[in-house]
Amino acid sequence: MPFIDTKLNIRLSQEKEAVLKSKLGEAIANFPGKSEYWLMLNFTDNCRMWFRGYDHFPIAMVEVKLFGAADEATCSHMTKILCKLFFEELGISPDHVYVKYEFSDRWGWNGENF
């Protein structure tokens, strides 16, 4: 039950959103037991974001939320994948991307909790 929430200070075209959706669907499989089938995504573009005191370059805040937990090596690998993806697809420099991980043992779906 993964959820990836992405906030951008740039416009995201429908074409690029579709590409990100597919590639994030592939990337989530780096976490054991996770797949695109259960992946929920949110993209919020044109956010008013500042980084290092500036707002004139592309910025991304990516939050990866998982039911369960993941080890440091898997998270580190995922961060590399995400930074590369946002650079290749949107031109956002890897040093302008924050990635936050959250883990929970309480997750609800379909009227009940796991």
N, C-alpha and C. Protein backbone atom coordinates (compact mmCIF):
# COMPACT_ATOMS: atom_id res chain seq x y z
N MET A 1 0.82 -1.17 0.00
CA MET A 1 0.00 0.00 0.00
C MET A 1 0.87 1.24 0.00
N PRO A 2 1.55 1.48 -1.10
CA PRO A 2 2.37 2.68 -1.18
C PRO A 2 1.61 3.88 -1.72
N PHE A 3 2.07 5.06 -1.31
CA PHE A 3 1.54 6.33 -1.80
C PHE A 3 2.72 7.24 -2.04
N ILE A 4 2.80 7.82 -3.24
CA ILE A 4 3.86 8.78 -3.54
C ILE A 4 3.20 10.11 -3.86
N ASP A 5 3.54 11.10 -3.06
CA ASP A 5 2.99 12.44 -3.18
C ASP A 5 4.10 13.36 -3.68
N THR A 6 3.89 13.98 -4.83
CA THR A 6 4.91 14.82 -5.44
C THR A 6 4.41 16.24 -5.58
N LYS A 7 5.19 17.17 -5.07
CA LYS A 7 4.90 18.59 -5.22
C LYS A 7 6.00 19.21 -6.05
N LEU A 8 5.59 20.02 -7.03
CA LEU A 8 6.52 20.66 -7.95
C LEU A 8 6.23 22.14 -8.03
N ASN A 9 7.26 22.95 -8.26
CA ASN A 9 7.02 24.37 -8.46
C ASN A 9 6.96 24.72 -9.95
N ILE A 10 6.87 23.71 -10.80
CA ILE A 10 6.77 23.90 -12.24
C ILE A 10 5.49 23.24 -12.74
N ARG A 11 5.11 23.56 -13.97
CA ARG A 11 3.94 22.97 -14.58
C ARG A 11 4.28 21.54 -15.01
N LEU A 12 3.34 20.63 -14.81
CA LEU A 12 3.50 19.24 -15.22
C LEU A 12 2.47 18.96 -16.32
N SER A 13 2.96 18.68 -17.52
CA SER A 13 2.05 18.37 -18.62
C SER A 13 1.43 16.99 -18.41
N GLN A 14 0.32 16.74 -19.07
CA GLN A 14 -0.32 15.43 -18.98
C GLN A 14 0.59 14.33 -19.51
N GLU A 15 1.36 14.65 -20.54
CA GLU A 15 2.28 13.67 -21.11
C GLU A 15 3.37 13.28 -20.11
N LYS A 16 3.95 14.28 -19.45
CA LYS A 16 5.00 14.00 -18.46
C LYS A 16 4.42 13.30 -17.24
N GLU A 17 3.20 13.67 -16.87
CA GLU A 17 2.55 13.00 -15.74
C GLU A 17 2.37 11.51 -16.04
N ALA A 18 1.98 11.18 -17.25
CA ALA A 18 1.81 9.78 -17.64
C ALA A 18 3.14 9.03 -17.60
N VAL A 19 4.20 9.68 -18.03
CA VAL A 19 5.53 9.06 -17.98
C VAL A 19 5.95 8.83 -16.53
N LEU A 20 5.78 9.85 -15.68
CA LEU A 20 6.13 9.70 -14.26
C LEU A 20 5.31 8.60 -13.62
N LYS A 21 4.02 8.53 -13.94
CA LYS A 21 3.15 7.49 -13.38
C LYS A 21 3.70 6.11 -13.70
N SER A 22 4.08 5.90 -14.94
CA SER A 22 4.60 4.60 -15.35
C SER A 22 5.94 4.28 -14.68
N LYS A 23 6.82 5.25 -14.66
CA LYS A 23 8.15 5.00 -14.10
C LYS A 23 8.13 4.87 -12.58
N LEU A 24 7.24 5.61 -11.92
CA LEU A 24 7.09 5.43 -10.47
C LEU A 24 6.47 4.08 -10.18
N GLY A 25 5.58 3.63 -11.05
CA GLY A 25 5.00 2.29 -10.91
C GLY A 25 6.06 1.20 -10.98
N GLU A 26 7.04 1.39 -11.84
CA GLU A 26 8.16 0.45 -11.93
C GLU A 26 9.06 0.57 -10.70
N ALA A 27 9.33 1.79 -10.30
CA ALA A 27 10.28 2.04 -9.20
C ALA A 27 9.79 1.50 -7.87
N ILE A 28 8.48 1.54 -7.64
CA ILE A 28 7.96 1.11 -6.34
C ILE A 28 8.25 -0.36 -6.08
N ALA A 29 8.45 -1.12 -7.13
CA ALA A 29 8.75 -2.55 -7.00
C ALA A 29 10.12 -2.79 -6.35
N ASN A 30 10.92 -1.74 -6.16
CA ASN A 30 12.19 -1.89 -5.44
C ASN A 30 11.96 -2.20 -3.97
N PHE A 31 10.77 -1.85 -3.48
CA PHE A 31 10.42 -2.21 -2.11
C PHE A 31 9.78 -3.59 -2.12
N PRO A 32 10.31 -4.51 -1.34
CA PRO A 32 9.75 -5.87 -1.32
C PRO A 32 8.25 -5.87 -1.04
N GLY A 33 7.51 -6.59 -1.88
CA GLY A 33 6.08 -6.73 -1.69
C GLY A 33 5.24 -5.58 -2.21
N LYS A 34 5.87 -4.57 -2.80
CA LYS A 34 5.12 -3.40 -3.31
C LYS A 34 5.05 -3.49 -4.83
N SER A 35 3.93 -2.99 -5.38
CA SER A 35 3.77 -3.01 -6.82
C SER A 35 2.90 -1.85 -7.27
N GLU A 36 2.88 -1.62 -8.56
CA GLU A 36 2.06 -0.55 -9.11
C GLU A 36 0.58 -0.81 -8.88
N TYR A 37 0.21 -2.07 -8.75
CA TYR A 37 -1.20 -2.40 -8.55
C TYR A 37 -1.80 -1.68 -7.34
N TRP A 38 -1.01 -1.55 -6.27
CA TRP A 38 -1.50 -0.89 -5.05
C TRP A 38 -1.03 0.54 -4.91
N LEU A 39 -0.24 1.02 -5.86
CA LEU A 39 0.36 2.35 -5.76
C LEU A 39 -0.66 3.44 -6.04
N MET A 40 -0.75 4.40 -5.12
CA MET A 40 -1.54 5.60 -5.31
C MET A 40 -0.57 6.77 -5.48
N LEU A 41 -0.87 7.64 -6.44
CA LEU A 41 0.00 8.77 -6.74
C LEU A 41 -0.77 10.08 -6.65
N ASN A 42 -0.07 11.12 -6.27
CA ASN A 42 -0.61 12.47 -6.34
C ASN A 42 0.47 13.37 -6.90
N PHE A 43 0.09 14.20 -7.86
CA PHE A 43 0.99 15.21 -8.41
C PHE A 43 0.35 16.57 -8.20
N THR A 44 1.07 17.46 -7.55
CA THR A 44 0.61 18.83 -7.39
C THR A 44 1.67 19.71 -8.03
N ASP A 45 1.29 20.39 -9.11
CA ASP A 45 2.26 21.23 -9.79
C ASP A 45 1.99 22.71 -9.53
N ASN A 46 2.89 23.54 -10.01
CA ASN A 46 2.80 24.99 -9.85
C ASN A 46 2.68 25.44 -8.39
N CYS A 47 3.31 24.69 -7.49
CA CYS A 47 3.31 25.07 -6.08
C CYS A 47 4.22 26.28 -5.87
N ARG A 48 3.88 27.06 -4.89
CA ARG A 48 4.75 28.18 -4.51
C ARG A 48 5.79 27.63 -3.54
N MET A 49 6.94 27.26 -4.08
CA MET A 49 8.00 26.63 -3.30
C MET A 49 9.29 27.44 -3.39
N TRP A 50 10.00 27.47 -2.29
CA TRP A 50 11.29 28.13 -2.20
C TRP A 50 12.32 27.13 -1.70
N PHE A 51 13.54 27.23 -2.21
CA PHE A 51 14.63 26.38 -1.74
C PHE A 51 15.91 27.19 -1.80
N ARG A 52 16.66 27.16 -0.71
CA ARG A 52 17.90 27.93 -0.60
C ARG A 52 17.66 29.43 -0.79
N GLY A 53 16.44 29.87 -0.48
CA GLY A 53 16.12 31.28 -0.58
C GLY A 53 15.66 31.72 -1.95
N TYR A 54 15.49 30.77 -2.88
CA TYR A 54 15.12 31.12 -4.24
C TYR A 54 13.90 30.33 -4.70
N ASP A 55 13.21 30.90 -5.69
CA ASP A 55 12.06 30.20 -6.27
C ASP A 55 12.13 30.15 -7.79
N HIS A 56 13.27 30.49 -8.37
CA HIS A 56 13.37 30.60 -9.83
C HIS A 56 13.97 29.38 -10.53
N PHE A 57 14.16 28.28 -9.83
CA PHE A 57 14.61 27.05 -10.47
C PHE A 57 13.66 25.93 -10.08
N PRO A 58 13.58 24.87 -10.90
CA PRO A 58 12.65 23.76 -10.61
C PRO A 58 13.00 23.05 -9.30
N ILE A 59 11.97 22.74 -8.53
CA ILE A 59 12.10 22.08 -7.22
C ILE A 59 11.07 20.96 -7.14
N ALA A 60 11.43 19.88 -6.46
CA ALA A 60 10.48 18.79 -6.21
C ALA A 60 10.59 18.32 -4.77
N MET A 61 9.44 18.07 -4.17
CA MET A 61 9.34 17.44 -2.85
C MET A 61 8.57 16.16 -3.07
N VAL A 62 9.22 15.03 -2.81
CA VAL A 62 8.62 13.73 -3.07
C VAL A 62 8.49 12.98 -1.74
N GLU A 63 7.26 12.59 -1.40
CA GLU A 63 7.03 11.84 -0.18
C GLU A 63 6.59 10.43 -0.55
N VAL A 64 7.33 9.46 -0.03
CA VAL A 64 7.03 8.05 -0.26
C VAL A 64 6.51 7.48 1.05
N LYS A 65 5.25 7.04 1.04
CA LYS A 65 4.62 6.52 2.25
C LYS A 65 4.28 5.06 2.03
N LEU A 66 4.68 4.22 2.99
CA LEU A 66 4.51 2.78 2.85
C LEU A 66 3.84 2.17 4.06
N PHE A 67 3.02 1.17 3.81
CA PHE A 67 2.53 0.29 4.87
C PHE A 67 3.66 -0.68 5.15
N GLY A 68 4.10 -0.73 6.39
CA GLY A 68 5.25 -1.55 6.74
C GLY A 68 6.48 -0.68 6.85
N ALA A 69 7.63 -1.28 6.57
CA ALA A 69 8.90 -0.58 6.69
C ALA A 69 9.82 -0.97 5.54
N ALA A 70 10.93 -0.29 5.45
CA ALA A 70 11.95 -0.61 4.45
C ALA A 70 13.31 -0.30 5.04
N ASP A 71 14.30 -1.03 4.58
CA ASP A 71 15.65 -0.82 5.11
C ASP A 71 16.33 0.37 4.44
N GLU A 72 17.41 0.82 5.05
CA GLU A 72 18.13 2.00 4.58
C GLU A 72 18.63 1.82 3.15
N ALA A 73 19.15 0.66 2.82
CA ALA A 73 19.69 0.43 1.47
C ALA A 73 18.62 0.57 0.40
N THR A 74 17.42 0.06 0.66
CA THR A 74 16.33 0.17 -0.30
C THR A 74 15.90 1.62 -0.46
N CYS A 75 15.80 2.34 0.63
CA CYS A 75 15.43 3.77 0.56
C CYS A 75 16.50 4.56 -0.18
N SER A 76 17.75 4.28 0.08
CA SER A 76 18.84 4.98 -0.59
C SER A 76 18.79 4.73 -2.10
N HIS A 77 18.55 3.48 -2.48
CA HIS A 77 18.43 3.14 -3.90
C HIS A 77 17.24 3.86 -4.53
N MET A 78 16.13 3.91 -3.82
CA MET A 78 14.93 4.58 -4.33
C MET A 78 15.19 6.08 -4.50
N THR A 79 15.91 6.69 -3.59
CA THR A 79 16.23 8.11 -3.72
C THR A 79 17.03 8.37 -4.98
N LYS A 80 17.98 7.51 -5.28
CA LYS A 80 18.76 7.65 -6.52
C LYS A 80 17.86 7.53 -7.74
N ILE A 81 16.96 6.57 -7.72
CA ILE A 81 16.02 6.39 -8.83
C ILE A 81 15.15 7.62 -9.01
N LEU A 82 14.59 8.12 -7.91
CA LEU A 82 13.70 9.28 -7.98
C LEU A 82 14.44 10.53 -8.47
N CYS A 83 15.60 10.79 -7.94
CA CYS A 83 16.36 11.97 -8.36
C CYS A 83 16.72 11.89 -9.85
N LYS A 84 17.12 10.72 -10.30
CA LYS A 84 17.43 10.53 -11.72
C LYS A 84 16.18 10.72 -12.57
N LEU A 85 15.07 10.16 -12.15
CA LEU A 85 13.82 10.26 -12.89
C LEU A 85 13.37 11.72 -13.04
N PHE A 86 13.38 12.47 -11.96
CA PHE A 86 12.93 13.86 -12.03
C PHE A 86 13.90 14.73 -12.82
N PHE A 87 15.17 14.37 -12.84
CA PHE A 87 16.12 15.10 -13.67
C PHE A 87 15.89 14.78 -15.15
N GLU A 88 15.80 13.50 -15.47
CA GLU A 88 15.64 13.10 -16.87
C GLU A 88 14.32 13.56 -17.47
N GLU A 89 13.25 13.49 -16.72
CA GLU A 89 11.93 13.80 -17.26
C GLU A 89 11.54 15.27 -17.13
N LEU A 90 12.00 15.94 -16.07
CA LEU A 90 11.56 17.32 -15.82
C LEU A 90 12.70 18.32 -15.73
N GLY A 91 13.94 17.85 -15.81
CA GLY A 91 15.08 18.75 -15.73
C GLY A 91 15.33 19.31 -14.35
N ILE A 92 14.82 18.66 -13.32
CA ILE A 92 15.04 19.12 -11.95
C ILE A 92 16.36 18.53 -11.45
N SER A 93 17.25 19.41 -11.09
CA SER A 93 18.56 18.97 -10.61
C SER A 93 18.39 18.10 -9.36
N PRO A 94 19.14 17.00 -9.27
CA PRO A 94 19.02 16.13 -8.09
C PRO A 94 19.23 16.85 -6.76
N ASP A 95 20.02 17.93 -6.77
CA ASP A 95 20.21 18.67 -5.53
C ASP A 95 19.09 19.67 -5.25
N HIS A 96 18.02 19.60 -6.05
CA HIS A 96 16.82 20.39 -5.82
C HIS A 96 15.61 19.49 -5.57
N VAL A 97 15.89 18.25 -5.20
CA VAL A 97 14.84 17.26 -4.92
C VAL A 97 15.01 16.77 -3.49
N TYR A 98 13.96 16.90 -2.70
CA TYR A 98 13.92 16.26 -1.39
C TYR A 98 13.04 15.02 -1.50
N VAL A 99 13.45 13.96 -0.81
CA VAL A 99 12.66 12.74 -0.75
C VAL A 99 12.47 12.39 0.72
N LYS A 100 11.23 12.23 1.10
CA LYS A 100 10.90 11.89 2.49
C LYS A 100 10.21 10.53 2.51
N TYR A 101 10.60 9.70 3.46
CA TYR A 101 10.00 8.38 3.61
C TYR A 101 9.21 8.33 4.92
N GLU A 102 8.03 7.74 4.84
CA GLU A 102 7.20 7.52 6.03
C GLU A 102 6.72 6.08 6.00
N PHE A 103 6.74 5.46 7.18
CA PHE A 103 6.31 4.07 7.30
C PHE A 103 5.24 3.98 8.37
N SER A 104 4.28 3.10 8.14
CA SER A 104 3.18 2.96 9.09
C SER A 104 2.77 1.50 9.19
N ASP A 105 2.41 1.09 10.39
CA ASP A 105 1.85 -0.24 10.58
C ASP A 105 0.33 -0.18 10.69
N ARG A 106 -0.21 1.01 10.48
CA ARG A 106 -1.67 1.21 10.49
C ARG A 106 -2.06 1.85 9.18
N TRP A 107 -2.76 1.09 8.39
CA TRP A 107 -3.15 1.55 7.08
C TRP A 107 -4.54 1.00 6.80
N GLY A 108 -5.45 1.86 6.39
CA GLY A 108 -6.82 1.43 6.13
C GLY A 108 -7.15 1.40 4.66
N TRP A 109 -8.06 0.50 4.31
CA TRP A 109 -8.52 0.37 2.92
C TRP A 109 -9.82 -0.45 2.93
N ASN A 110 -10.73 -0.06 2.11
CA ASN A 110 -11.94 -0.83 1.88
C ASN A 110 -12.74 -1.07 3.17
N GLY A 111 -12.75 -0.04 4.04
CA GLY A 111 -13.55 -0.12 5.25
C GLY A 111 -12.92 -0.83 6.42
N GLU A 112 -11.65 -1.21 6.30
CA GLU A 112 -10.97 -1.89 7.41
C GLU A 112 -9.50 -1.54 7.43
N ASN A 113 -8.83 -1.91 8.50
CA ASN A 113 -7.40 -1.66 8.63
C ASN A 113 -6.62 -2.96 8.51
N PHE A 114 -5.41 -2.81 8.05
CA PHE A 114 -4.51 -3.96 7.94
C PHE A 114 -3.80 -4.19 9.26
